PDB file of N, CA and C in Angstrom:
ATOM      1  N   MET A   1     104.555  95.747 136.768  1.00  0.00           N
ATOM      2  CA  MET A   1     104.725  95.737 135.323  1.00  0.00           C
ATOM      3  C   MET A   1     105.454  94.458 134.932  1.00  0.00           C
ATOM      4  N   ASN A   2     104.920  93.755 133.941  1.00  0.00           N
ATOM      5  CA  ASN A   2     105.546  92.532 133.434  1.00  0.00           C
ATOM      6  C   ASN A   2     106.588  92.873 132.382  1.00  0.00           C
ATOM      7  N   THR A   3     107.464  91.938 132.109  1.00  0.00           N
ATOM      8  CA  THR A   3     108.477  92.160 131.074  1.00  0.00           C
ATOM      9  C   THR A   3     107.843  92.190 129.693  1.00  0.00           C
ATOM     10  N   ASN A   4     106.630  91.639 129.541  1.00  0.00           N
ATOM     11  CA  ASN A   4     105.938  91.654 128.251  1.00  0.00           C
ATOM     12  C   ASN A   4     105.101  92.917 128.058  1.00  0.00           C
ATOM     13  N   ASP A   5     105.011  93.761 129.080  1.00  0.00           N
ATOM     14  CA  ASP A   5     104.215  94.981 128.992  1.00  0.00           C
ATOM     15  C   ASP A   5     104.914  96.016 128.122  1.00  0.00           C
ATOM     16  N   ASP A   6     104.114  96.860 127.484  1.00  0.00           N
ATOM     17  CA  ASP A   6     104.635  97.960 126.683  1.00  0.00           C
ATOM     18  C   ASP A   6     104.304  99.274 127.367  1.00  0.00           C
ATOM     19  N   ILE A   7     105.117 100.271 127.123  1.00  0.00           N
ATOM     20  CA  ILE A   7     104.892 101.587 127.702  1.00  0.00           C
ATOM     21  C   ILE A   7     104.200 102.462 126.663  1.00  0.00           C
ATOM     22  N   PHE A   8     103.109 103.076 127.073  1.00  0.00           N
ATOM     23  CA  PHE A   8     102.335 103.981 126.229  1.00  0.00           C
ATOM     24  C   PHE A   8     102.574 105.391 126.742  1.00  0.00           C
ATOM     25  N   SER A   9     103.299 106.176 125.984  1.00  0.00           N
ATOM     26  CA  SER A   9     103.641 107.537 126.410  1.00  0.00           C
ATOM     27  C   SER A   9     102.665 108.543 125.819  1.00  0.00           C
ATOM     28  N   ILE A  10     102.367 109.574 126.598  1.00  0.00           N
ATOM     29  CA  ILE A  10     101.480 110.645 126.147  1.00  0.00           C
ATOM     30  C   ILE A  10     102.270 111.949 126.198  1.00  0.00           C
ATOM     31  N   ASN A  11     102.202 112.725 125.110  1.00  0.00           N
ATOM     32  CA  ASN A  11     102.938 113.993 125.087  1.00  0.00           C
ATOM     33  C   ASN A  11     102.151 115.087 125.808  1.00  0.00           C
ATOM     34  N   GLU A  12     102.694 116.294 125.831  1.00  0.00           N
ATOM     35  CA  GLU A  12     102.079 117.409 126.553  1.00  0.00           C
ATOM     36  C   GLU A  12     100.690 117.746 126.032  1.00  0.00           C
ATOM     37  N   ARG A  13     100.449 117.496 124.757  1.00  0.00           N
ATOM     38  CA  ARG A  13      99.154 117.810 124.150  1.00  0.00           C
ATOM     39  C   ARG A  13      98.136 116.702 124.372  1.00  0.00           C
ATOM     40  N   GLY A  14      98.553 115.601 124.981  1.00  0.00           N
ATOM     41  CA  GLY A  14      97.637 114.499 125.246  1.00  0.00           C
ATOM     42  C   GLY A  14      97.593 113.448 124.162  1.00  0.00           C
ATOM     43  N   SER A  15      98.435 113.579 123.149  1.00  0.00           N
ATOM     44  CA  SER A  15      98.483 112.586 122.077  1.00  0.00           C
ATOM     45  C   SER A  15      99.430 111.468 122.452  1.00  0.00           C
ATOM     46  N   GLY A  16      99.096 110.278 122.013  1.00  0.00           N
ATOM     47  CA  GLY A  16      99.953 109.129 122.287  1.00  0.00           C
ATOM     48  C   GLY A  16     100.089 108.254 121.065  1.00  0.00           C
ATOM     49  N   THR A  17     101.049 107.365 121.098  1.00  0.00           N
ATOM     50  CA  THR A  17     101.274 106.424 120.014  1.00  0.00           C
ATOM     51  C   THR A  17     101.342 105.030 120.592  1.00  0.00           C
ATOM     52  N   LEU A  18     100.543 104.125 120.016  1.00  0.00           N
ATOM     53  CA  LEU A  18     100.608 102.736 120.458  1.00  0.00           C
ATOM     54  C   LEU A  18     101.929 102.127 120.025  1.00  0.00           C
ATOM     55  N   PRO A  19     102.563 101.347 120.870  1.00  0.00           N
ATOM     56  CA  PRO A  19     103.796 100.666 120.479  1.00  0.00           C
ATOM     57  C   PRO A  19     103.560  99.793 119.242  1.00  0.00           C
ATOM     58  N   ILE A  20     104.572  99.668 118.408  1.00  0.00           N
ATOM     59  CA  ILE A  20     104.465  98.972 117.120  1.00  0.00           C
ATOM     60  C   ILE A  20     103.947  97.546 117.253  1.00  0.00           C
ATOM     61  N   ASN A  21     104.412  96.808 118.257  1.00  0.00           N
ATOM     62  CA  ASN A  21     103.981  95.413 118.361  1.00  0.00           C
ATOM     63  C   ASN A  21     102.502  95.306 118.730  1.00  0.00           C
ATOM     64  N   ILE A  22     101.944  96.335 119.357  1.00  0.00           N
ATOM     65  CA  ILE A  22     100.503  96.345 119.634  1.00  0.00           C
ATOM     66  C   ILE A  22      99.747  96.757 118.374  1.00  0.00           C
ATOM     67  N   ARG A  23     100.237  97.779 117.663  1.00  0.00           N
ATOM     68  CA  ARG A  23      99.576  98.235 116.424  1.00  0.00           C
ATOM     69  C   ARG A  23      99.470  97.113 115.414  1.00  0.00           C
ATOM     70  N   GLN A  24     100.476  96.246 115.350  1.00  0.00           N
ATOM     71  CA  GLN A  24     100.464  95.156 114.376  1.00  0.00           C
ATOM     72  C   GLN A  24      99.412  94.105 114.696  1.00  0.00           C
ATOM     73  N   LYS A  25      98.935  94.064 115.932  1.00  0.00           N
ATOM     74  CA  LYS A  25      97.948  93.065 116.349  1.00  0.00           C
ATOM     75  C   LYS A  25      96.519  93.581 116.244  1.00  0.00           C
ATOM     76  N   ILE A  26      96.347  94.878 116.055  1.00  0.00           N
ATOM     77  CA  ILE A  26      95.023  95.495 116.090  1.00  0.00           C
ATOM     78  C   ILE A  26      94.621  95.937 114.688  1.00  0.00           C
ATOM     79  N   SER A  27      93.376  95.625 114.304  1.00  0.00           N
ATOM     80  CA  SER A  27      92.921  96.005 112.964  1.00  0.00           C
ATOM     81  C   SER A  27      91.945  97.179 113.001  1.00  0.00           C
ATOM     82  N   VAL A  28      92.025  98.004 114.035  1.00  0.00           N
ATOM     83  CA  VAL A  28      91.148  99.178 114.126  1.00  0.00           C
ATOM     84  C   VAL A  28      91.992 100.434 114.309  1.00  0.00           C
ATOM     85  N   ARG A  29      91.413 101.562 113.965  1.00  0.00           N
ATOM     86  CA  ARG A  29      92.125 102.832 114.104  1.00  0.00           C
ATOM     87  C   ARG A  29      91.465 103.784 115.089  1.00  0.00           C
ATOM     88  N   HIS A  30      90.212 103.514 115.453  1.00  0.00           N
ATOM     89  CA  HIS A  30      89.491 104.405 116.358  1.00  0.00           C
ATOM     90  C   HIS A  30      89.036 103.628 117.582  1.00  0.00           C
ATOM     91  N   PHE A  31      89.220 104.243 118.740  1.00  0.00           N
ATOM     92  CA  PHE A  31      88.911 103.583 120.002  1.00  0.00           C
ATOM     93  C   PHE A  31      88.024 104.459 120.871  1.00  0.00           C
ATOM     94  N   VAL A  32      87.285 103.806 121.745  1.00  0.00           N
ATOM     95  CA  VAL A  32      86.583 104.484 122.827  1.00  0.00           C
ATOM     96  C   VAL A  32      87.510 104.375 124.031  1.00  0.00           C
ATOM     97  N   CYS A  33      87.810 105.494 124.661  1.00  0.00           N
ATOM     98  CA  CYS A  33      88.724 105.519 125.800  1.00  0.00           C
ATOM     99  C   CYS A  33      87.921 105.707 127.076  1.00  0.00           C
ATOM    100  N   LYS A  34      88.141 104.824 128.052  1.00  0.00           N
ATOM    101  CA  LYS A  34      87.444 104.903 129.335  1.00  0.00           C
ATOM    102  C   LYS A  34      88.468 104.879 130.461  1.00  0.00           C
ATOM    103  N   ILE A  35      88.119 105.529 131.547  1.00  0.00           N
ATOM    104  CA  ILE A  35      88.930 105.421 132.755  1.00  0.00           C
ATOM    105  C   ILE A  35      88.097 104.654 133.763  1.00  0.00           C
ATOM    106  N   GLU A  36      88.616 103.514 134.184  1.00  0.00           N
ATOM    107  CA  GLU A  36      87.921 102.685 135.158  1.00  0.00           C
ATOM    108  C   GLU A  36      88.496 102.949 136.538  1.00  0.00           C
ATOM    109  N   LYS A  37      88.105 102.158 137.500  1.00  0.00           N
ATOM    110  CA  LYS A  37      88.526 102.338 138.895  1.00  0.00           C
ATOM    111  C   LYS A  37      89.986 102.771 138.987  1.00  0.00           C
ATOM    112  N   GLY A  38      90.189 103.813 139.737  1.00  0.00           N
ATOM    113  CA  GLY A  38      91.548 104.330 139.866  1.00  0.00           C
ATOM    114  C   GLY A  38      91.941 105.052 138.595  1.00  0.00           C
ATOM    115  N   ASN A  39      93.123 104.784 138.122  1.00  0.00           N
ATOM    116  CA  ASN A  39      93.620 105.407 136.897  1.00  0.00           C
ATOM    117  C   ASN A  39      93.778 104.406 135.772  1.00  0.00           C
ATOM    118  N   ARG A  40      92.985 103.357 135.777  1.00  0.00           N
ATOM    119  CA  ARG A  40      93.081 102.321 134.746  1.00  0.00           C
ATOM    120  C   ARG A  40      92.436 102.826 133.452  1.00  0.00           C
ATOM    121  N   ILE A  41      93.222 102.932 132.404  1.00  0.00           N
ATOM    122  CA  ILE A  41      92.736 103.403 131.103  1.00  0.00           C
ATOM    123  C   ILE A  41      92.425 102.191 130.236  1.00  0.00           C
ATOM    124  N   VAL A  42      91.225 102.177 129.670  1.00  0.00           N
ATOM    125  CA  VAL A  42      90.788 101.063 128.825  1.00  0.00           C
ATOM    126  C   VAL A  42      90.464 101.606 127.440  1.00  0.00           C
ATOM    127  N   LEU A  43      91.044 100.999 126.409  1.00  0.00           N
ATOM    128  CA  LEU A  43      90.733 101.343 125.026  1.00  0.00           C
ATOM    129  C   LEU A  43      89.933 100.198 124.420  1.00  0.00           C
ATOM    130  N   GLU A  44      88.763 100.522 123.879  1.00  0.00           N
ATOM    131  CA  GLU A  44      87.940  99.513 123.214  1.00  0.00           C
ATOM    132  C   GLU A  44      87.728  99.958 121.777  1.00  0.00           C
ATOM    133  N   PRO A  45      87.732  99.022 120.828  1.00  0.00           N
ATOM    134  CA  PRO A  45      87.532  99.417 119.435  1.00  0.00           C
ATOM    135  C   PRO A  45      86.165 100.062 119.233  1.00  0.00           C
ATOM    136  N   LEU A  46      86.151 101.170 118.514  1.00  0.00           N
ATOM    137  CA  LEU A  46      84.891 101.817 118.176  1.00  0.00           C
ATOM    138  C   LEU A  46      84.118 100.911 117.228  1.00  0.00           C
ATOM    139  N   GLN A  47      84.810 100.388 116.241  1.00  0.00           N
ATOM    140  CA  GLN A  47      84.215  99.478 115.272  1.00  0.00           C
ATOM    141  C   GLN A  47      85.360  98.744 114.588  1.00  0.00           C
ATOM    142  N   THR A  48      85.246  97.430 114.503  1.00  0.00           N
ATOM    143  CA  THR A  48      86.293  96.675 113.826  1.00  0.00           C
ATOM    144  C   THR A  48      86.140  96.832 112.319  1.00  0.00           C
ATOM    145  N   ARG A  49      87.167  96.525 111.608  1.00  0.00           N
ATOM    146  CA  ARG A  49      87.134  96.591 110.148  1.00  0.00           C
ATOM    147  C   ARG A  49      86.049  95.668 109.604  1.00  0.00           C
ATOM    148  N   GLU A  50      85.916  94.490 110.216  1.00  0.00           N
ATOM    149  CA  GLU A  50      84.905  93.533 109.773  1.00  0.00           C
ATOM    150  C   GLU A  50      83.501  94.089 109.984  1.00  0.00           C
ATOM    151  N   GLU A  51      83.273  94.749 111.123  1.00  0.00           N
ATOM    152  CA  GLU A  51      81.965  95.363 111.386  1.00  0.00           C
ATOM    153  C   GLU A  51      81.680  96.477 110.385  1.00  0.00           C
ATOM    154  N   PHE A  52      82.704  97.262 110.063  1.00  0.00           N
ATOM    155  CA  PHE A  52      82.541  98.342 109.090  1.00  0.00           C
ATOM    156  C   PHE A  52      82.140  97.780 107.732  1.00  0.00           C
ATOM    157  N   TYR A  53      82.843  96.728 107.274  1.00  0.00           N
ATOM    158  CA  TYR A  53      82.523  96.148 105.972  1.00  0.00           C
ATOM    159  C   TYR A  53      81.143  95.506 105.965  1.00  0.00           C
ATOM    160  N   ALA A  54      80.751  94.878 107.070  1.00  0.00           N
ATOM    161  CA  ALA A  54      79.412  94.285 107.160  1.00  0.00           C
ATOM    162  C   ALA A  54      78.352  95.386 107.061  1.00  0.00           C
ATOM    163  N   GLU A  55      78.587  96.507 107.736  1.00  0.00           N
ATOM    164  CA  GLU A  55      77.652  97.635 107.676  1.00  0.00           C
ATOM    165  C   GLU A  55      77.606  98.225 106.270  1.00  0.00           C
ATOM    166  N   LEU A  56      78.758  98.321 105.629  1.00  0.00           N
ATOM    167  CA  LEU A  56      78.830  98.843 104.269  1.00  0.00           C
ATOM    168  C   LEU A  56      78.071  97.943 103.299  1.00  0.00           C
ATOM    169  N   GLU A  57      78.262  96.625 103.412  1.00  0.00           N
ATOM    170  CA  GLU A  57      77.554  95.683 102.543  1.00  0.00           C
ATOM    171  C   GLU A  57      76.046  95.773 102.743  1.00  0.00           C
ATOM    172  N   ALA A  58      75.603  95.911 103.992  1.00  0.00           N
ATOM    173  CA  ALA A  58      74.170  96.047 104.275  1.00  0.00           C
ATOM    174  C   ALA A  58      73.626  97.326 103.639  1.00  0.00           C
ATOM    175  N   ALA A  59      74.395  98.411 103.707  1.00  0.00           N
ATOM    176  CA  ALA A  59      73.967  99.677 103.103  1.00  0.00           C
ATOM    177  C   ALA A  59      73.885  99.552 101.584  1.00  0.00           C
ATOM    178  N   GLU A  60      74.846  98.850 100.974  1.00  0.00           N
ATOM    179  CA  GLU A  60      74.823  98.655  99.522  1.00  0.00           C
ATOM    180  C   GLU A  60      73.606  97.844  99.103  1.00  0.00           C
ATOM    181  N   LYS A  61      73.275  96.797  99.866  1.00  0.00           N
ATOM    182  CA  LYS A  61      72.087  95.992  99.562  1.00  0.00           C
ATOM    183  C   LYS A  61      70.826  96.832  99.694  1.00  0.00           C
ATOM    184  N   ASP A  62      70.773  97.675 100.725  1.00  0.00           N
ATOM    185  CA  ASP A  62      69.626  98.560 100.911  1.00  0.00           C
ATOM    186  C   ASP A  62      69.505  99.531  99.744  1.00  0.00           C
ATOM    187  N   TRP A  63      70.653 100.036  99.281  1.00  0.00           N
ATOM    188  CA  TRP A  63      70.672 100.959  98.137  1.00  0.00           C
ATOM    189  C   TRP A  63      70.110 100.262  96.903  1.00  0.00           C
ATOM    190  N   GLU A  64      70.575  99.027  96.661  1.00  0.00           N
ATOM    191  CA  GLU A  64      70.106  98.282  95.491  1.00  0.00           C
ATOM    192  C   GLU A  64      68.607  98.007  95.578  1.00  0.00           C
ATOM    193  N   LYS A  65      68.121  97.722  96.769  1.00  0.00           N
ATOM    194  CA  LYS A  65      66.705  97.386  96.964  1.00  0.00           C
ATOM    195  C   LYS A  65      65.815  98.628  96.937  1.00  0.00           C
ATOM    196  N   ASN A  66      66.216  99.667  97.661  1.00  0.00           N
ATOM    197  CA  ASN A  66      65.354 100.834  97.846  1.00  0.00           C
ATOM    198  C   ASN A  66      65.760 102.066  97.044  1.00  0.00           C
ATOM    199  N   GLY A  67      66.919 102.003  96.417  1.00  0.00           N
ATOM    200  CA  GLY A  67      67.385 103.155  95.654  1.00  0.00           C
ATOM    201  C   GLY A  67      67.921 104.260  96.548  1.00  0.00           C
ATOM    202  N   GLY A  68      68.202 105.374  95.941  1.00  0.00           N
ATOM    203  CA  GLY A  68      68.744 106.509  96.675  1.00  0.00           C
ATOM    204  C   GLY A  68      69.168 107.577  95.694  1.00  0.00           C
ATOM    205  N   ILE A  69      69.947 108.541  96.164  1.00  0.00           N
ATOM    206  CA  ILE A  69      70.430 109.593  95.283  1.00  0.00           C
ATOM    207  C   ILE A  69      71.954 109.609  95.308  1.00  0.00           C
ATOM    208  N   THR A  70      72.526 110.115  94.245  1.00  0.00           N
ATOM    209  CA  THR A  70      73.983 110.209  94.160  1.00  0.00           C
ATOM    210  C   THR A  70      74.457 111.424  94.956  1.00  0.00           C
ATOM    211  N   LEU A  71      75.763 111.526  95.150  1.00  0.00           N
ATOM    212  CA  LEU A  71      76.323 112.688  95.842  1.00  0.00           C
ATOM    213  C   LEU A  71      76.016 113.981  95.087  1.00  0.00           C
ATOM    214  N   GLU A  72      76.077 113.908  93.760  1.00  0.00           N
ATOM    215  CA  GLU A  72      75.783 115.091  92.958  1.00  0.00           C
ATOM    216  C   GLU A  72      74.327 115.515  93.146  1.00  0.00           C
ATOM    217  N   GLU A  73      73.413 114.542  93.133  1.00  0.00           N
ATOM    218  CA  GLU A  73      71.993 114.847  93.349  1.00  0.00           C
ATOM    219  C   GLU A  73      71.766 115.415  94.751  1.00  0.00           C
ATOM    220  N   PHE A  74      72.461 114.861  95.729  1.00  0.00           N
ATOM    221  CA  PHE A  74      72.351 115.337  97.110  1.00  0.00           C
ATOM    222  C   PHE A  74      72.810 116.788  97.212  1.00  0.00           C
ATOM    223  N   ALA A  75      73.963 117.073  96.603  1.00  0.00           N
ATOM    224  CA  ALA A  75      74.515 118.431  96.647  1.00  0.00           C
ATOM    225  C   ALA A  75      73.561 119.427  95.994  1.00  0.00           C
ATOM    226  N   LYS A  76      72.977 119.025  94.875  1.00  0.00           N
ATOM    227  CA  LYS A  76      72.049 119.907  94.168  1.00  0.00           C
ATOM    228  C   LYS A  76      70.763 120.098  94.978  1.00  0.00           C
ATOM    229  N   LYS A  77      70.245 118.998  95.523  1.00  0.00           N
ATOM    230  CA  LYS A  77      68.986 119.032  96.274  1.00  0.00           C
ATOM    231  C   LYS A  77      69.098 119.899  97.525  1.00  0.00           C
ATOM    232  N   TYR A  78      70.222 119.788  98.232  1.00  0.00           N
ATOM    233  CA  TYR A  78      70.392 120.504  99.497  1.00  0.00           C
ATOM    234  C   TYR A  78      71.297 121.726  99.378  1.00  0.00           C
ATOM    235  N   ASP A  79      71.610 122.110  98.146  1.00  0.00           N
ATOM    236  CA  ASP A  79      72.420 123.296  97.880  1.00  0.00           C
ATOM    237  C   ASP A  79      73.712 123.299  98.691  1.00  0.00           C
ATOM    238  N   VAL A  80      74.445 122.209  98.568  1.00  0.00           N
ATOM    239  CA  VAL A  80      75.708 122.062  99.299  1.00  0.00           C
ATOM    240  C   VAL A  80      76.864 122.352  98.371  1.00  0.00           C
TER     241      VAL A  80
END
């Protein structure tokens, strides 16, 4: 362990909290968790904020081009 390393603690329920100095460097809230060789835990971003906004903008352009239905219309159509 290096002096620059942070400790990631997990409680009895399996929940953990990223140390503050790591949270301040990361712009994502959801991760894919993998266990690699041995007990090495790897967290990878599910989707960055930039990827989310790019996907949202593409969806908005598609909506403008192809149209769609509102949430109210959806609820009425599918009896939700």
